[in-house]
Amino acid sequence: MIKIMINEQPSGRISSFEMKGHADFAEKGKDLVCAGASAVSFGAVNAVIALTGVTPHIQQGSDGGYLKVVFPETEKDDDIQLIVKAMIVSLQTIEQDYGQHIKLIFNR
């Protein structure tokens, strides 16, 4: 199962997210849940960098089963938050259909 921990401050600001695990929906290379979650998360991080010029702190595991991204507070924070919250909506959509393979956990 992919577990996505989202760290949300009392203000509602998303400070970081961390993805761990594998979906185990299908064999490697054919796992739609894994591919969807990866595309959404990496796409959002790439959008933050390309559209705001801000590079978050990124940690990745060597086997593809780990990603942690920490978003610094900058003058571009409103734009970053919009992108990150759009990512969360997309991941929640995947969770609705494939909840036994992906879980979002909010740390508030």
N, C-alpha and C. Protein backbone atom coordinates (compact mmCIF):
# COMPACT_ATOMS: atom_id res chain seq x y z
N MET A 1 0.84 -1.19 0.00
CA MET A 1 0.00 0.00 0.00
C MET A 1 0.88 1.24 0.00
N ILE A 2 0.46 2.24 -0.77
CA ILE A 2 1.13 3.54 -0.75
C ILE A 2 0.47 4.36 0.34
N LYS A 3 1.27 4.85 1.27
CA LYS A 3 0.76 5.74 2.31
C LYS A 3 1.36 7.13 2.06
N ILE A 4 0.48 8.12 2.06
CA ILE A 4 0.92 9.49 1.81
C ILE A 4 0.58 10.31 3.04
N MET A 5 1.61 10.74 3.76
CA MET A 5 1.44 11.58 4.94
C MET A 5 1.58 13.04 4.53
N ILE A 6 0.54 13.80 4.81
CA ILE A 6 0.52 15.21 4.44
C ILE A 6 0.56 16.02 5.72
N ASN A 7 1.59 16.85 5.85
CA ASN A 7 1.73 17.69 7.04
C ASN A 7 1.11 19.04 6.78
N GLU A 8 0.04 19.31 7.52
CA GLU A 8 -0.73 20.54 7.36
C GLU A 8 -0.66 21.36 8.64
N GLN A 9 -0.26 22.60 8.51
CA GLN A 9 -0.18 23.49 9.66
C GLN A 9 -1.58 23.95 10.07
N PRO A 10 -1.76 24.45 11.29
CA PRO A 10 -3.08 24.93 11.72
C PRO A 10 -3.69 25.97 10.78
N SER A 11 -2.86 26.70 10.08
CA SER A 11 -3.34 27.71 9.13
C SER A 11 -3.91 27.08 7.86
N GLY A 12 -3.67 25.78 7.66
CA GLY A 12 -4.08 25.10 6.43
C GLY A 12 -2.95 24.95 5.43
N ARG A 13 -1.81 25.56 5.71
CA ARG A 13 -0.66 25.48 4.81
C ARG A 13 -0.09 24.06 4.83
N ILE A 14 0.16 23.52 3.65
CA ILE A 14 0.81 22.22 3.53
C ILE A 14 2.32 22.46 3.56
N SER A 15 2.99 21.94 4.59
CA SER A 15 4.43 22.16 4.72
C SER A 15 5.25 21.06 4.06
N SER A 16 4.68 19.84 3.96
CA SER A 16 5.40 18.74 3.35
C SER A 16 4.47 17.57 3.09
N PHE A 17 4.96 16.64 2.28
CA PHE A 17 4.28 15.35 2.14
C PHE A 17 5.34 14.28 1.99
N GLU A 18 4.95 13.07 2.36
CA GLU A 18 5.85 11.93 2.32
C GLU A 18 5.07 10.72 1.80
N MET A 19 5.57 10.08 0.76
CA MET A 19 4.95 8.89 0.18
C MET A 19 5.86 7.70 0.47
N LYS A 20 5.23 6.61 0.97
CA LYS A 20 5.99 5.40 1.28
C LYS A 20 5.23 4.18 0.77
N GLY A 21 5.98 3.22 0.30
CA GLY A 21 5.40 1.94 -0.04
C GLY A 21 5.10 1.77 -1.52
N HIS A 22 4.49 0.63 -1.80
CA HIS A 22 4.13 0.26 -3.16
C HIS A 22 2.66 -0.12 -3.17
N ALA A 23 1.98 0.17 -4.25
CA ALA A 23 0.54 -0.08 -4.34
C ALA A 23 0.23 -1.57 -4.38
N ASP A 24 1.07 -2.36 -5.04
CA ASP A 24 0.82 -3.79 -5.22
C ASP A 24 -0.53 -4.06 -5.87
N PHE A 25 -0.94 -3.18 -6.76
CA PHE A 25 -2.18 -3.36 -7.52
C PHE A 25 -1.98 -4.35 -8.66
N ALA A 26 -0.81 -4.26 -9.27
CA ALA A 26 -0.46 -5.14 -10.39
C ALA A 26 1.06 -5.30 -10.40
N GLU A 27 1.56 -6.12 -11.31
CA GLU A 27 3.00 -6.32 -11.38
C GLU A 27 3.71 -5.04 -11.79
N LYS A 28 4.97 -4.98 -11.43
CA LYS A 28 5.78 -3.80 -11.73
C LYS A 28 5.72 -3.51 -13.23
N GLY A 29 5.50 -2.25 -13.56
CA GLY A 29 5.38 -1.84 -14.96
C GLY A 29 3.95 -1.82 -15.46
N LYS A 30 3.03 -2.43 -14.72
CA LYS A 30 1.62 -2.44 -15.10
C LYS A 30 0.71 -1.94 -13.98
N ASP A 31 1.31 -1.39 -12.94
CA ASP A 31 0.56 -0.97 -11.76
C ASP A 31 0.00 0.44 -11.98
N LEU A 32 -1.28 0.51 -12.30
CA LEU A 32 -1.92 1.80 -12.59
C LEU A 32 -1.98 2.72 -11.38
N VAL A 33 -2.16 2.15 -10.19
CA VAL A 33 -2.24 2.98 -8.98
C VAL A 33 -0.88 3.63 -8.72
N CYS A 34 0.16 2.86 -8.83
CA CYS A 34 1.51 3.39 -8.64
C CYS A 34 1.82 4.45 -9.69
N ALA A 35 1.50 4.14 -10.93
CA ALA A 35 1.78 5.09 -12.01
C ALA A 35 1.01 6.39 -11.83
N GLY A 36 -0.26 6.28 -11.42
CA GLY A 36 -1.07 7.47 -11.21
C GLY A 36 -0.54 8.32 -10.07
N ALA A 37 -0.25 7.68 -8.94
CA ALA A 37 0.25 8.42 -7.77
C ALA A 37 1.60 9.07 -8.08
N SER A 38 2.45 8.34 -8.79
CA SER A 38 3.77 8.89 -9.15
C SER A 38 3.63 10.08 -10.10
N ALA A 39 2.79 9.93 -11.11
CA ALA A 39 2.60 11.00 -12.08
C ALA A 39 2.05 12.26 -11.43
N VAL A 40 1.08 12.09 -10.55
CA VAL A 40 0.46 13.24 -9.88
C VAL A 40 1.47 13.93 -8.97
N SER A 41 2.19 13.16 -8.16
CA SER A 41 3.12 13.77 -7.20
C SER A 41 4.33 14.40 -7.89
N PHE A 42 4.94 13.68 -8.82
CA PHE A 42 6.10 14.25 -9.52
C PHE A 42 5.68 15.41 -10.41
N GLY A 43 4.51 15.31 -11.02
CA GLY A 43 4.01 16.41 -11.83
C GLY A 43 3.80 17.67 -11.00
N ALA A 44 3.27 17.51 -9.79
CA ALA A 44 3.06 18.68 -8.92
C ALA A 44 4.39 19.30 -8.49
N VAL A 45 5.34 18.46 -8.12
CA VAL A 45 6.66 18.99 -7.72
C VAL A 45 7.32 19.70 -8.89
N ASN A 46 7.25 19.10 -10.08
CA ASN A 46 7.83 19.75 -11.26
C ASN A 46 7.11 21.05 -11.58
N ALA A 47 5.79 21.09 -11.38
CA ALA A 47 5.03 22.32 -11.61
C ALA A 47 5.44 23.41 -10.63
N VAL A 48 5.65 23.04 -9.37
CA VAL A 48 6.11 24.03 -8.38
C VAL A 48 7.42 24.65 -8.85
N ILE A 49 8.35 23.81 -9.26
CA ILE A 49 9.66 24.31 -9.68
C ILE A 49 9.54 25.17 -10.94
N ALA A 50 8.81 24.69 -11.94
CA ALA A 50 8.71 25.39 -13.23
C ALA A 50 7.91 26.67 -13.14
N LEU A 51 6.84 26.67 -12.36
CA LEU A 51 5.93 27.82 -12.35
C LEU A 51 6.25 28.85 -11.28
N THR A 52 6.97 28.44 -10.24
CA THR A 52 7.27 29.41 -9.17
C THR A 52 8.76 29.73 -9.06
N GLY A 53 9.60 28.87 -9.63
CA GLY A 53 11.05 29.06 -9.49
C GLY A 53 11.57 28.63 -8.14
N VAL A 54 10.73 28.02 -7.32
CA VAL A 54 11.12 27.55 -5.99
C VAL A 54 11.36 26.05 -6.06
N THR A 55 12.53 25.63 -5.60
CA THR A 55 12.84 24.21 -5.55
C THR A 55 12.68 23.71 -4.12
N PRO A 56 11.70 22.84 -3.87
CA PRO A 56 11.53 22.30 -2.53
C PRO A 56 12.65 21.32 -2.19
N HIS A 57 12.75 20.96 -0.92
CA HIS A 57 13.71 19.95 -0.49
C HIS A 57 13.11 18.58 -0.81
N ILE A 58 13.82 17.78 -1.61
CA ILE A 58 13.30 16.50 -2.10
C ILE A 58 14.22 15.37 -1.67
N GLN A 59 13.60 14.31 -1.10
CA GLN A 59 14.32 13.09 -0.78
C GLN A 59 13.61 11.94 -1.51
N GLN A 60 14.40 11.07 -2.14
CA GLN A 60 13.84 9.92 -2.85
C GLN A 60 14.54 8.65 -2.43
N GLY A 61 13.79 7.55 -2.40
CA GLY A 61 14.38 6.25 -2.15
C GLY A 61 14.91 5.65 -3.44
N SER A 62 15.87 4.79 -3.34
CA SER A 62 16.49 4.21 -4.53
C SER A 62 15.59 3.19 -5.23
N ASP A 63 14.64 2.60 -4.50
CA ASP A 63 13.78 1.58 -5.12
C ASP A 63 12.46 2.16 -5.64
N GLY A 64 12.31 3.46 -5.58
CA GLY A 64 11.09 4.10 -6.06
C GLY A 64 9.94 4.07 -5.08
N GLY A 65 10.14 3.55 -3.88
CA GLY A 65 9.06 3.43 -2.91
C GLY A 65 9.04 4.51 -1.86
N TYR A 66 9.78 5.60 -2.09
CA TYR A 66 9.84 6.66 -1.08
C TYR A 66 10.05 8.01 -1.75
N LEU A 67 9.25 8.99 -1.31
CA LEU A 67 9.42 10.38 -1.75
C LEU A 67 8.99 11.29 -0.61
N LYS A 68 9.85 12.22 -0.25
CA LYS A 68 9.50 13.24 0.74
C LYS A 68 9.82 14.60 0.14
N VAL A 69 8.86 15.52 0.26
CA VAL A 69 9.04 16.86 -0.29
C VAL A 69 8.64 17.87 0.78
N VAL A 70 9.55 18.81 1.07
CA VAL A 70 9.31 19.87 2.05
C VAL A 70 9.29 21.20 1.31
N PHE A 71 8.21 21.95 1.52
CA PHE A 71 8.02 23.22 0.82
C PHE A 71 8.42 24.38 1.72
N PRO A 72 9.45 25.14 1.29
CA PRO A 72 9.84 26.31 2.09
C PRO A 72 8.80 27.42 1.93
N GLU A 73 8.65 28.22 2.96
CA GLU A 73 7.76 29.38 2.86
C GLU A 73 8.50 30.49 2.13
N THR A 74 7.90 30.97 1.05
CA THR A 74 8.49 32.05 0.26
C THR A 74 7.38 33.01 -0.14
N GLU A 75 7.76 34.05 -0.85
CA GLU A 75 6.76 34.99 -1.36
C GLU A 75 5.87 34.34 -2.42
N LYS A 76 6.26 33.17 -2.91
CA LYS A 76 5.47 32.42 -3.90
C LYS A 76 4.58 31.36 -3.24
N ASP A 77 4.41 31.46 -1.92
CA ASP A 77 3.72 30.40 -1.18
C ASP A 77 2.28 30.18 -1.64
N ASP A 78 1.56 31.24 -2.00
CA ASP A 78 0.17 31.06 -2.45
C ASP A 78 0.12 30.19 -3.71
N ASP A 79 1.02 30.42 -4.64
CA ASP A 79 1.07 29.62 -5.86
C ASP A 79 1.45 28.17 -5.56
N ILE A 80 2.45 28.00 -4.69
CA ILE A 80 2.89 26.66 -4.31
C ILE A 80 1.74 25.90 -3.66
N GLN A 81 1.04 26.55 -2.75
CA GLN A 81 -0.06 25.89 -2.05
C GLN A 81 -1.18 25.47 -3.00
N LEU A 82 -1.47 26.29 -3.98
CA LEU A 82 -2.51 25.93 -4.94
C LEU A 82 -2.12 24.66 -5.71
N ILE A 83 -0.87 24.58 -6.12
CA ILE A 83 -0.40 23.40 -6.85
C ILE A 83 -0.44 22.16 -5.96
N VAL A 84 0.04 22.31 -4.73
CA VAL A 84 0.08 21.17 -3.80
C VAL A 84 -1.34 20.70 -3.45
N LYS A 85 -2.24 21.63 -3.25
CA LYS A 85 -3.62 21.24 -2.92
C LYS A 85 -4.32 20.60 -4.12
N ALA A 86 -3.97 21.01 -5.33
CA ALA A 86 -4.49 20.34 -6.53
C ALA A 86 -3.95 18.90 -6.59
N MET A 87 -2.70 18.71 -6.21
CA MET A 87 -2.12 17.38 -6.15
C MET A 87 -2.90 16.50 -5.18
N ILE A 88 -3.22 17.07 -4.02
CA ILE A 88 -3.95 16.30 -3.00
C ILE A 88 -5.32 15.89 -3.52
N VAL A 89 -6.02 16.78 -4.20
CA VAL A 89 -7.33 16.44 -4.77
C VAL A 89 -7.18 15.28 -5.75
N SER A 90 -6.17 15.31 -6.59
CA SER A 90 -5.94 14.23 -7.55
C SER A 90 -5.64 12.91 -6.85
N LEU A 91 -4.82 12.95 -5.80
CA LEU A 91 -4.52 11.73 -5.05
C LEU A 91 -5.75 11.20 -4.32
N GLN A 92 -6.59 12.09 -3.81
CA GLN A 92 -7.82 11.66 -3.17
C GLN A 92 -8.76 10.99 -4.16
N THR A 93 -8.75 11.45 -5.40
CA THR A 93 -9.56 10.83 -6.44
C THR A 93 -9.09 9.39 -6.69
N ILE A 94 -7.79 9.19 -6.72
CA ILE A 94 -7.25 7.83 -6.87
C ILE A 94 -7.64 6.99 -5.65
N GLU A 95 -7.54 7.57 -4.47
CA GLU A 95 -7.87 6.86 -3.23
C GLU A 95 -9.34 6.42 -3.22
N GLN A 96 -10.23 7.22 -3.76
CA GLN A 96 -11.65 6.86 -3.79
C GLN A 96 -11.90 5.56 -4.53
N ASP A 97 -11.18 5.35 -5.62
CA ASP A 97 -11.39 4.15 -6.43
C ASP A 97 -10.49 2.98 -6.04
N TYR A 98 -9.35 3.26 -5.43
CA TYR A 98 -8.37 2.21 -5.14
C TYR A 98 -7.90 2.29 -3.69
N GLY A 99 -8.84 2.49 -2.78
CA GLY A 99 -8.52 2.72 -1.37
C GLY A 99 -7.76 1.61 -0.68
N GLN A 100 -7.82 0.40 -1.20
CA GLN A 100 -7.06 -0.69 -0.57
C GLN A 100 -5.59 -0.67 -1.00
N HIS A 101 -5.24 0.25 -1.92
CA HIS A 101 -3.86 0.33 -2.42
C HIS A 101 -3.18 1.67 -2.15
N ILE A 102 -3.96 2.68 -1.76
CA ILE A 102 -3.40 4.01 -1.52
C ILE A 102 -4.20 4.69 -0.41
N LYS A 103 -3.49 5.34 0.52
CA LYS A 103 -4.15 5.97 1.66
C LYS A 103 -3.48 7.31 1.94
N LEU A 104 -4.31 8.36 2.05
CA LEU A 104 -3.81 9.67 2.45
C LEU A 104 -4.06 9.85 3.93
N ILE A 105 -3.04 10.34 4.64
CA ILE A 105 -3.13 10.58 6.08
C ILE A 105 -2.71 12.02 6.33
N PHE A 106 -3.60 12.77 6.97
CA PHE A 106 -3.31 14.18 7.25
C PHE A 106 -2.84 14.33 8.68
N ASN A 107 -1.66 14.94 8.84
CA ASN A 107 -1.12 15.27 10.16
C ASN A 107 -1.37 16.75 10.38
N ARG A 108 -2.36 17.03 11.20
CA ARG A 108 -2.74 18.43 11.42
C ARG A 108 -2.33 18.89 12.78
